[in-house]
Amino acid sequence: EIKLLTFLIKHPGRVYTREELLNYVWGDESYVEPRTVDVHISRLRALIEPDKEKPSYLLTLRGIGYKFAEYE
């Protein structure tokens, strides 16, 4: 989960599909189900979001993927 969070924080505002996140974070070394990303995002939201039902950091773009909110 920390690898996923670190990756997204390093690329704020950029949307990544599940498949892209699997490739960038987990690599080709092992097979991981695409829904694994959803589980990790949910766990991260529980840890870092003030209200995980209305996330302000780890954002979902329905039908596209996930992104970390842009910051200044």
PDB file of N, CA and C in Angstrom:
ATOM      1  N   GLU A   1       0.821  -1.202   0.000  1.00  0.00           N
ATOM      2  CA  GLU A   1       0.000   0.000   0.000  1.00  0.00           C
ATOM      3  C   GLU A   1       0.856   1.254   0.000  1.00  0.00           C
ATOM      4  N   ILE A   2       1.968   1.212   0.718  1.00  0.00           N
ATOM      5  CA  ILE A   2       2.822   2.398   0.775  1.00  0.00           C
ATOM      6  C   ILE A   2       3.442   2.683  -0.593  1.00  0.00           C
ATOM      7  N   LYS A   3       3.752   1.646  -1.343  1.00  0.00           N
ATOM      8  CA  LYS A   3       4.292   1.854  -2.698  1.00  0.00           C
ATOM      9  C   LYS A   3       3.248   2.526  -3.596  1.00  0.00           C
ATOM     10  N   LEU A   4       2.015   2.105  -3.465  1.00  0.00           N
ATOM     11  CA  LEU A   4       0.928   2.693  -4.247  1.00  0.00           C
ATOM     12  C   LEU A   4       0.726   4.150  -3.877  1.00  0.00           C
ATOM     13  N   LEU A   5       0.663   4.439  -2.593  1.00  0.00           N
ATOM     14  CA  LEU A   5       0.481   5.819  -2.133  1.00  0.00           C
ATOM     15  C   LEU A   5       1.649   6.694  -2.569  1.00  0.00           C
ATOM     16  N   THR A   6       2.849   6.207  -2.410  1.00  0.00           N
ATOM     17  CA  THR A   6       4.040   6.964  -2.812  1.00  0.00           C
ATOM     18  C   THR A   6       4.005   7.274  -4.300  1.00  0.00           C
ATOM     19  N   PHE A   7       3.648   6.293  -5.101  1.00  0.00           N
ATOM     20  CA  PHE A   7       3.578   6.501  -6.548  1.00  0.00           C
ATOM     21  C   PHE A   7       2.565   7.582  -6.893  1.00  0.00           C
ATOM     22  N   LEU A   8       1.372   7.500  -6.322  1.00  0.00           N
ATOM     23  CA  LEU A   8       0.336   8.478  -6.635  1.00  0.00           C
ATOM     24  C   LEU A   8       0.709   9.883  -6.151  1.00  0.00           C
ATOM     25  N   ILE A   9       1.323   9.983  -4.987  1.00  0.00           N
ATOM     26  CA  ILE A   9       1.732  11.291  -4.456  1.00  0.00           C
ATOM     27  C   ILE A   9       2.782  11.926  -5.354  1.00  0.00           C
ATOM     28  N   LYS A  10       3.653  11.123  -5.930  1.00  0.00           N
ATOM     29  CA  LYS A  10       4.701  11.653  -6.817  1.00  0.00           C
ATOM     30  C   LYS A  10       4.147  12.143  -8.152  1.00  0.00           C
ATOM     31  N   HIS A  11       2.897  11.771  -8.463  1.00  0.00           N
ATOM     32  CA  HIS A  11       2.273  12.152  -9.735  1.00  0.00           C
ATOM     33  C   HIS A  11       0.884  12.751  -9.487  1.00  0.00           C
ATOM     34  N   PRO A  12       0.798  13.830  -8.725  1.00  0.00           N
ATOM     35  CA  PRO A  12      -0.522  14.397  -8.406  1.00  0.00           C
ATOM     36  C   PRO A  12      -1.243  14.890  -9.659  1.00  0.00           C
ATOM     37  N   GLY A  13      -2.545  14.672  -9.668  1.00  0.00           N
ATOM     38  CA  GLY A  13      -3.364  15.166 -10.756  1.00  0.00           C
ATOM     39  C   GLY A  13      -3.433  14.253 -11.967  1.00  0.00           C
ATOM     40  N   ARG A  14      -2.538  13.300 -12.064  1.00  0.00           N
ATOM     41  CA  ARG A  14      -2.543  12.387 -13.211  1.00  0.00           C
ATOM     42  C   ARG A  14      -3.404  11.185 -12.883  1.00  0.00           C
ATOM     43  N   VAL A  15      -4.286  10.839 -13.792  1.00  0.00           N
ATOM     44  CA  VAL A  15      -5.180   9.704 -13.599  1.00  0.00           C
ATOM     45  C   VAL A  15      -4.518   8.439 -14.146  1.00  0.00           C
ATOM     46  N   TYR A  16      -4.579   7.371 -13.353  1.00  0.00           N
ATOM     47  CA  TYR A  16      -4.029   6.079 -13.750  1.00  0.00           C
ATOM     48  C   TYR A  16      -5.120   5.016 -13.716  1.00  0.00           C
ATOM     49  N   THR A  17      -5.139   4.168 -14.723  1.00  0.00           N
ATOM     50  CA  THR A  17      -6.058   3.038 -14.716  1.00  0.00           C
ATOM     51  C   THR A  17      -5.535   1.992 -13.740  1.00  0.00           C
ATOM     52  N   ARG A  18      -6.388   1.034 -13.418  1.00  0.00           N
ATOM     53  CA  ARG A  18      -5.952  -0.071 -12.553  1.00  0.00           C
ATOM     54  C   ARG A  18      -4.746  -0.783 -13.166  1.00  0.00           C
ATOM     55  N   GLU A  19      -4.833  -1.032 -14.460  1.00  0.00           N
ATOM     56  CA  GLU A  19      -3.758  -1.760 -15.142  1.00  0.00           C
ATOM     57  C   GLU A  19      -2.441  -0.985 -15.087  1.00  0.00           C
ATOM     58  N   GLU A  20      -2.509   0.324 -15.278  1.00  0.00           N
ATOM     59  CA  GLU A  20      -1.289   1.134 -15.201  1.00  0.00           C
ATOM     60  C   GLU A  20      -0.697   1.076 -13.799  1.00  0.00           C
ATOM     61  N   LEU A  21      -1.551   1.194 -12.786  1.00  0.00           N
ATOM     62  CA  LEU A  21      -1.053   1.130 -11.408  1.00  0.00           C
ATOM     63  C   LEU A  21      -0.441  -0.234 -11.108  1.00  0.00           C
ATOM     64  N   LEU A  22      -1.076  -1.282 -11.591  1.00  0.00           N
ATOM     65  CA  LEU A  22      -0.508  -2.624 -11.392  1.00  0.00           C
ATOM     66  C   LEU A  22       0.878  -2.714 -12.008  1.00  0.00           C
ATOM     67  N   ASN A  23       1.042  -2.187 -13.211  1.00  0.00           N
ATOM     68  CA  ASN A  23       2.344  -2.242 -13.884  1.00  0.00           C
ATOM     69  C   ASN A  23       3.383  -1.377 -13.186  1.00  0.00           C
ATOM     70  N   TYR A  24       3.025  -0.155 -12.834  1.00  0.00           N
ATOM     71  CA  TYR A  24       3.983   0.764 -12.220  1.00  0.00           C
ATOM     72  C   TYR A  24       4.341   0.384 -10.793  1.00  0.00           C
ATOM     73  N   VAL A  25       3.382  -0.116 -10.036  1.00  0.00           N
ATOM     74  CA  VAL A  25       3.629  -0.393  -8.609  1.00  0.00           C
ATOM     75  C   VAL A  25       4.046  -1.844  -8.373  1.00  0.00           C
ATOM     76  N   TRP A  26       3.329  -2.789  -8.981  1.00  0.00           N
ATOM     77  CA  TRP A  26       3.624  -4.200  -8.739  1.00  0.00           C
ATOM     78  C   TRP A  26       4.560  -4.784  -9.785  1.00  0.00           C
ATOM     79  N   GLY A  27       4.582  -4.193 -10.967  1.00  0.00           N
ATOM     80  CA  GLY A  27       5.457  -4.680 -12.026  1.00  0.00           C
ATOM     81  C   GLY A  27       4.956  -5.961 -12.651  1.00  0.00           C
ATOM     82  N   ASP A  28       5.766  -6.494 -13.517  1.00  0.00           N
ATOM     83  CA  ASP A  28       5.412  -7.715 -14.235  1.00  0.00           C
ATOM     84  C   ASP A  28       5.853  -8.976 -13.492  1.00  0.00           C
ATOM     85  N   GLU A  29       6.442  -8.803 -12.329  1.00  0.00           N
ATOM     86  CA  GLU A  29       7.023  -9.933 -11.613  1.00  0.00           C
ATOM     87  C   GLU A  29       5.994 -10.911 -11.066  1.00  0.00           C
ATOM     88  N   SER A  30       4.802 -10.423 -10.752  1.00  0.00           N
ATOM     89  CA  SER A  30       3.792 -11.310 -10.199  1.00  0.00           C
ATOM     90  C   SER A  30       2.426 -10.942 -10.752  1.00  0.00           C
ATOM     91  N   TYR A  31       1.521 -11.910 -10.730  1.00  0.00           N
ATOM     92  CA  TYR A  31       0.172 -11.649 -11.210  1.00  0.00           C
ATOM     93  C   TYR A  31      -0.678 -11.166 -10.054  1.00  0.00           C
ATOM     94  N   VAL A  32      -1.278 -10.011 -10.245  1.00  0.00           N
ATOM     95  CA  VAL A  32      -2.159  -9.432  -9.238  1.00  0.00           C
ATOM     96  C   VAL A  32      -3.450  -9.053  -9.944  1.00  0.00           C
ATOM     97  N   GLU A  33      -4.575  -9.391  -9.349  1.00  0.00           N
ATOM     98  CA  GLU A  33      -5.883  -9.056  -9.912  1.00  0.00           C
ATOM     99  C   GLU A  33      -6.068  -7.533  -9.953  1.00  0.00           C
ATOM    100  N   PRO A  34      -6.675  -7.021 -11.010  1.00  0.00           N
ATOM    101  CA  PRO A  34      -6.915  -5.574 -11.091  1.00  0.00           C
ATOM    102  C   PRO A  34      -7.710  -5.016  -9.915  1.00  0.00           C
ATOM    103  N   ARG A  35      -8.616  -5.793  -9.352  1.00  0.00           N
ATOM    104  CA  ARG A  35      -9.410  -5.321  -8.214  1.00  0.00           C
ATOM    105  C   ARG A  35      -8.565  -5.164  -6.941  1.00  0.00           C
ATOM    106  N   THR A  36      -7.370  -5.711  -6.951  1.00  0.00           N
ATOM    107  CA  THR A  36      -6.453  -5.535  -5.819  1.00  0.00           C
ATOM    108  C   THR A  36      -6.186  -4.049  -5.596  1.00  0.00           C
ATOM    109  N   VAL A  37      -6.106  -3.299  -6.681  1.00  0.00           N
ATOM    110  CA  VAL A  37      -5.887  -1.854  -6.578  1.00  0.00           C
ATOM    111  C   VAL A  37      -7.027  -1.224  -5.776  1.00  0.00           C
ATOM    112  N   ASP A  38      -8.260  -1.626  -6.049  1.00  0.00           N
ATOM    113  CA  ASP A  38      -9.417  -1.074  -5.340  1.00  0.00           C
ATOM    114  C   ASP A  38      -9.316  -1.321  -3.833  1.00  0.00           C
ATOM    115  N   VAL A  39      -8.902  -2.521  -3.479  1.00  0.00           N
ATOM    116  CA  VAL A  39      -8.768  -2.879  -2.065  1.00  0.00           C
ATOM    117  C   VAL A  39      -7.714  -2.004  -1.390  1.00  0.00           C
ATOM    118  N   HIS A  40      -6.583  -1.830  -2.045  1.00  0.00           N
ATOM    119  CA  HIS A  40      -5.517  -1.009  -1.472  1.00  0.00           C
ATOM    120  C   HIS A  40      -5.935   0.462  -1.375  1.00  0.00           C
ATOM    121  N   ILE A  41      -6.628   0.962  -2.365  1.00  0.00           N
ATOM    122  CA  ILE A  41      -7.115   2.348  -2.321  1.00  0.00           C
ATOM    123  C   ILE A  41      -8.073   2.513  -1.146  1.00  0.00           C
ATOM    124  N   SER A  42      -8.959   1.558  -0.963  1.00  0.00           N
ATOM    125  CA  SER A  42      -9.917   1.611   0.148  1.00  0.00           C
ATOM    126  C   SER A  42      -9.204   1.631   1.496  1.00  0.00           C
ATOM    127  N   ARG A  43      -8.201   0.797   1.646  1.00  0.00           N
ATOM    128  CA  ARG A  43      -7.437   0.759   2.909  1.00  0.00           C
ATOM    129  C   ARG A  43      -6.685   2.064   3.140  1.00  0.00           C
ATOM    130  N   LEU A  44      -6.104   2.608   2.080  1.00  0.00           N
ATOM    131  CA  LEU A  44      -5.386   3.876   2.206  1.00  0.00           C
ATOM    132  C   LEU A  44      -6.331   5.006   2.578  1.00  0.00           C
ATOM    133  N   ARG A  45      -7.507   5.012   1.971  1.00  0.00           N
ATOM    134  CA  ARG A  45      -8.492   6.047   2.304  1.00  0.00           C
ATOM    135  C   ARG A  45      -8.864   5.986   3.778  1.00  0.00           C
ATOM    136  N   ALA A  46      -9.019   4.788   4.296  1.00  0.00           N
ATOM    137  CA  ALA A  46      -9.361   4.631   5.714  1.00  0.00           C
ATOM    138  C   ALA A  46      -8.272   5.224   6.607  1.00  0.00           C
ATOM    139  N   LEU A  47      -7.044   5.228   6.125  1.00  0.00           N
ATOM    140  CA  LEU A  47      -5.925   5.736   6.916  1.00  0.00           C
ATOM    141  C   LEU A  47      -5.702   7.241   6.769  1.00  0.00           C
ATOM    142  N   ILE A  48      -5.876   7.782   5.563  1.00  0.00           N
ATOM    143  CA  ILE A  48      -5.455   9.169   5.348  1.00  0.00           C
ATOM    144  C   ILE A  48      -6.585  10.168   5.113  1.00  0.00           C
ATOM    145  N   GLU A  49      -7.762   9.692   4.772  1.00  0.00           N
ATOM    146  CA  GLU A  49      -8.857  10.617   4.468  1.00  0.00           C
ATOM    147  C   GLU A  49      -9.605  11.009   5.743  1.00  0.00           C
ATOM    148  N   PRO A  50      -9.918  12.308   5.898  1.00  0.00           N
ATOM    149  CA  PRO A  50     -10.742  12.721   7.033  1.00  0.00           C
ATOM    150  C   PRO A  50     -12.127  12.061   6.977  1.00  0.00           C
ATOM    151  N   ASP A  51     -12.682  11.925   5.771  1.00  0.00           N
ATOM    152  CA  ASP A  51     -13.963  11.256   5.562  1.00  0.00           C
ATOM    153  C   ASP A  51     -13.797  10.350   4.348  1.00  0.00           C
ATOM    154  N   LYS A  52     -13.629   9.066   4.586  1.00  0.00           N
ATOM    155  CA  LYS A  52     -13.338   8.160   3.472  1.00  0.00           C
ATOM    156  C   LYS A  52     -14.508   8.026   2.498  1.00  0.00           C
ATOM    157  N   GLU A  53     -15.701   8.424   2.927  1.00  0.00           N
ATOM    158  CA  GLU A  53     -16.861   8.399   2.031  1.00  0.00           C
ATOM    159  C   GLU A  53     -16.841   9.578   1.056  1.00  0.00           C
ATOM    160  N   LYS A  54     -16.126  10.641   1.413  1.00  0.00           N
ATOM    161  CA  LYS A  54     -15.972  11.815   0.558  1.00  0.00           C
ATOM    162  C   LYS A  54     -14.491  12.152   0.479  1.00  0.00           C
ATOM    163  N   PRO A  55     -13.732  11.337  -0.245  1.00  0.00           N
ATOM    164  CA  PRO A  55     -12.278  11.517  -0.272  1.00  0.00           C
ATOM    165  C   PRO A  55     -11.852  12.850  -0.884  1.00  0.00           C
ATOM    166  N   SER A  56     -10.793  13.391  -0.325  1.00  0.00           N
ATOM    167  CA  SER A  56     -10.249  14.642  -0.860  1.00  0.00           C
ATOM    168  C   SER A  56      -8.810  14.465  -1.349  1.00  0.00           C
ATOM    169  N   TYR A  57      -8.212  13.324  -1.094  1.00  0.00           N
ATOM    170  CA  TYR A  57      -6.840  13.052  -1.533  1.00  0.00           C
ATOM    171  C   TYR A  57      -6.794  11.978  -2.614  1.00  0.00           C
ATOM    172  N   LEU A  58      -7.276  10.797  -2.299  1.00  0.00           N
ATOM    173  CA  LEU A  58      -7.283   9.683  -3.252  1.00  0.00           C
ATOM    174  C   LEU A  58      -8.624   9.684  -3.975  1.00  0.00           C
ATOM    175  N   LEU A  59      -8.598  10.173  -5.201  1.00  0.00           N
ATOM    176  CA  LEU A  59      -9.832  10.386  -5.937  1.00  0.00           C
ATOM    177  C   LEU A  59     -10.066   9.313  -6.991  1.00  0.00           C
ATOM    178  N   THR A  60     -11.335   8.961  -7.177  1.00  0.00           N
ATOM    179  CA  THR A  60     -11.743   8.011  -8.203  1.00  0.00           C
ATOM    180  C   THR A  60     -12.391   8.768  -9.337  1.00  0.00           C
ATOM    181  N   LEU A  61     -11.979   8.456 -10.540  1.00  0.00           N
ATOM    182  CA  LEU A  61     -12.660   8.963 -11.726  1.00  0.00           C
ATOM    183  C   LEU A  61     -13.370   7.759 -12.316  1.00  0.00           C
ATOM    184  N   ARG A  62     -14.661   7.703 -12.060  1.00  0.00           N
ATOM    185  CA  ARG A  62     -15.468   6.528 -12.405  1.00  0.00           C
ATOM    186  C   ARG A  62     -15.261   6.112 -13.860  1.00  0.00           C
ATOM    187  N   GLY A  63     -14.977   4.831 -14.036  1.00  0.00           N
ATOM    188  CA  GLY A  63     -14.775   4.278 -15.353  1.00  0.00           C
ATOM    189  C   GLY A  63     -13.398   4.529 -15.948  1.00  0.00           C
ATOM    190  N   ILE A  64     -12.569   5.303 -15.217  1.00  0.00           N
ATOM    191  CA  ILE A  64     -11.235   5.625 -15.735  1.00  0.00           C
ATOM    192  C   ILE A  64     -10.153   5.088 -14.817  1.00  0.00           C
ATOM    193  N   GLY A  65     -10.119   5.580 -13.570  1.00  0.00           N
ATOM    194  CA  GLY A  65      -9.074   5.139 -12.653  1.00  0.00           C
ATOM    195  C   GLY A  65      -8.984   5.996 -11.412  1.00  0.00           C
ATOM    196  N   TYR A  66      -7.768   6.131 -10.915  1.00  0.00           N
ATOM    197  CA  TYR A  66      -7.515   6.837  -9.662  1.00  0.00           C
ATOM    198  C   TYR A  66      -6.459   7.907  -9.850  1.00  0.00           C
ATOM    199  N   LYS A  67      -6.524   8.914  -8.967  1.00  0.00           N
ATOM    200  CA  LYS A  67      -5.491   9.926  -8.949  1.00  0.00           C
ATOM    201  C   LYS A  67      -5.348  10.475  -7.540  1.00  0.00           C
ATOM    202  N   PHE A  68      -4.195  11.057  -7.286  1.00  0.00           N
ATOM    203  CA  PHE A  68      -3.982  11.794  -6.046  1.00  0.00           C
ATOM    204  C   PHE A  68      -4.288  13.243  -6.364  1.00  0.00           C
ATOM    205  N   ALA A  69      -5.006  13.913  -5.491  1.00  0.00           N
ATOM    206  CA  ALA A  69      -5.406  15.296  -5.728  1.00  0.00           C
ATOM    207  C   ALA A  69      -4.198  16.190  -5.959  1.00  0.00           C
ATOM    208  N   GLU A  70      -4.377  17.162  -6.826  1.00  0.00           N
ATOM    209  CA  GLU A  70      -3.301  18.133  -7.068  1.00  0.00           C
ATOM    210  C   GLU A  70      -3.165  19.030  -5.848  1.00  0.00           C
ATOM    211  N   TYR A  71      -1.965  19.430  -5.586  1.00  0.00           N
ATOM    212  CA  TYR A  71      -1.708  20.332  -4.456  1.00  0.00           C
ATOM    213  C   TYR A  71      -0.751  21.402  -4.906  1.00  0.00           C
ATOM    214  N   GLU A  72      -0.706  22.467  -4.148  1.00  0.00           N
ATOM    215  CA  GLU A  72       0.172  23.606  -4.500  1.00  0.00           C
ATOM    216  C   GLU A  72       1.333  23.683  -3.572  1.00  0.00           C
TER     217      GLU A  72
END
